[in-house]
Amino acid sequence: MTVTAARLNFRVRPETEGRLRAAAAASNQSLTDFVISAAEDRADEVLATHTLVPADYYDSLIAALDEPPQRNEALTQAAQQRRRFKQS
């Protein structure tokens, strides 16, 4: 059981309500579940394009990318091992 922590109230045009109810019924969801799901999906899309990383994290990432590659002995040895399977 989900605990509701907040309430949103808004008005829509009658034709919008009809479309939402029809879409909710077609997806076998309650109107509330349908609207919340659609709103959450859209919010995730918008936030994904507007989410910023903290400046210090970004600076350290750029600095790490500017560093020359470091030799990884385990990876070098693995690459030199004979392959068990051949690609055709």
Protein backbone atom coordinates (compact mmCIF):
# COMPACT_ATOMS: atom_id res chain seq x y z
CA MET A 1 0.00 0.00 0.00
CA THR A 2 1.34 3.40 -1.02
CA VAL A 3 1.25 6.24 1.48
CA THR A 4 0.25 9.55 -0.06
CA ALA A 5 2.40 12.40 1.19
CA ALA A 6 1.15 15.29 -0.91
CA ARG A 7 -1.88 16.31 -2.89
CA LEU A 8 -2.07 18.13 -6.21
CA ASN A 9 -5.26 19.83 -7.36
CA PHE A 10 -5.66 21.23 -10.86
CA ARG A 11 -8.35 21.94 -13.41
CA VAL A 12 -8.47 20.66 -16.97
CA ARG A 13 -10.77 21.24 -19.92
CA PRO A 14 -13.61 18.71 -20.19
CA GLU A 15 -12.18 17.30 -23.43
CA THR A 16 -8.81 16.80 -21.74
CA GLU A 17 -10.46 14.94 -18.90
CA GLY A 18 -12.23 12.71 -21.40
CA ARG A 19 -9.00 11.87 -23.20
CA LEU A 20 -7.22 11.14 -19.92
CA ARG A 21 -10.04 8.90 -18.70
CA ALA A 22 -10.13 7.03 -22.03
CA ALA A 23 -6.36 6.54 -22.03
CA ALA A 24 -6.40 5.38 -18.41
CA ALA A 25 -9.14 2.86 -19.17
CA ALA A 26 -7.29 1.63 -22.27
CA SER A 27 -4.18 1.00 -20.17
CA ASN A 28 -6.16 -0.64 -17.34
CA GLN A 29 -5.14 2.03 -14.84
CA SER A 30 -7.07 4.34 -12.59
CA LEU A 31 -7.17 7.95 -13.74
CA THR A 32 -4.91 8.94 -10.84
CA ASP A 33 -2.33 6.24 -11.57
CA PHE A 34 -2.35 7.08 -15.29
CA VAL A 35 -1.87 10.83 -14.75
CA ILE A 36 0.83 10.36 -12.12
CA SER A 37 2.71 7.83 -14.27
CA ALA A 38 2.58 10.12 -17.32
CA ALA A 39 3.65 13.13 -15.27
CA GLU A 40 6.55 11.21 -13.68
CA ASP A 41 7.75 9.99 -17.09
CA ARG A 42 7.70 13.52 -18.48
CA ALA A 43 9.39 14.92 -15.38
CA ASP A 44 12.20 12.37 -15.76
CA GLU A 45 12.66 13.37 -19.42
CA VAL A 46 12.86 17.07 -18.58
CA LEU A 47 15.13 16.62 -15.59
CA ALA A 48 17.49 14.36 -17.54
CA THR A 49 18.20 17.24 -19.92
CA HIS A 50 18.55 19.82 -17.14
CA THR A 51 20.41 17.96 -14.43
CA LEU A 52 23.82 19.39 -13.71
CA VAL A 53 26.71 17.78 -11.90
CA PRO A 54 28.42 19.71 -9.12
CA ALA A 55 31.24 21.94 -10.36
CA ASP A 56 33.96 20.18 -8.35
CA TYR A 57 32.88 16.77 -9.73
CA TYR A 58 32.88 18.12 -13.30
CA ASP A 59 36.31 19.69 -12.81
CA SER A 60 37.77 16.44 -11.45
CA LEU A 61 36.24 14.49 -14.35
CA ILE A 62 37.75 16.83 -16.93
CA ALA A 63 41.11 16.72 -15.15
CA ALA A 64 41.02 12.90 -15.17
CA LEU A 65 40.24 12.87 -18.89
CA ASP A 66 43.20 15.18 -19.53
CA GLU A 67 45.61 12.80 -17.77
CA PRO A 68 47.60 10.40 -19.95
CA PRO A 69 46.39 6.80 -19.78
CA GLN A 70 47.95 4.64 -17.09
CA ARG A 71 49.21 1.19 -17.85
CA ASN A 72 47.04 -1.57 -16.42
CA GLU A 73 49.19 -4.68 -16.09
CA ALA A 74 46.29 -7.07 -15.49
CA LEU A 75 44.50 -5.81 -18.59
CA THR A 76 47.70 -6.03 -20.64
CA GLN A 77 48.21 -9.66 -19.58
CA ALA A 78 44.61 -10.55 -20.31
CA ALA A 79 44.87 -9.08 -23.81
CA GLN A 80 47.99 -11.14 -24.50
CA GLN A 81 46.43 -14.47 -23.54
CA ARG A 82 45.45 -16.90 -26.22
CA ARG A 83 41.77 -16.79 -27.07
CA ARG A 84 39.62 -19.82 -26.39
CA PHE A 85 37.18 -19.04 -29.17
CA LYS A 86 37.77 -17.78 -32.69
CA GLN A 87 35.47 -15.32 -34.33
CA SER A 88 34.22 -16.38 -37.72
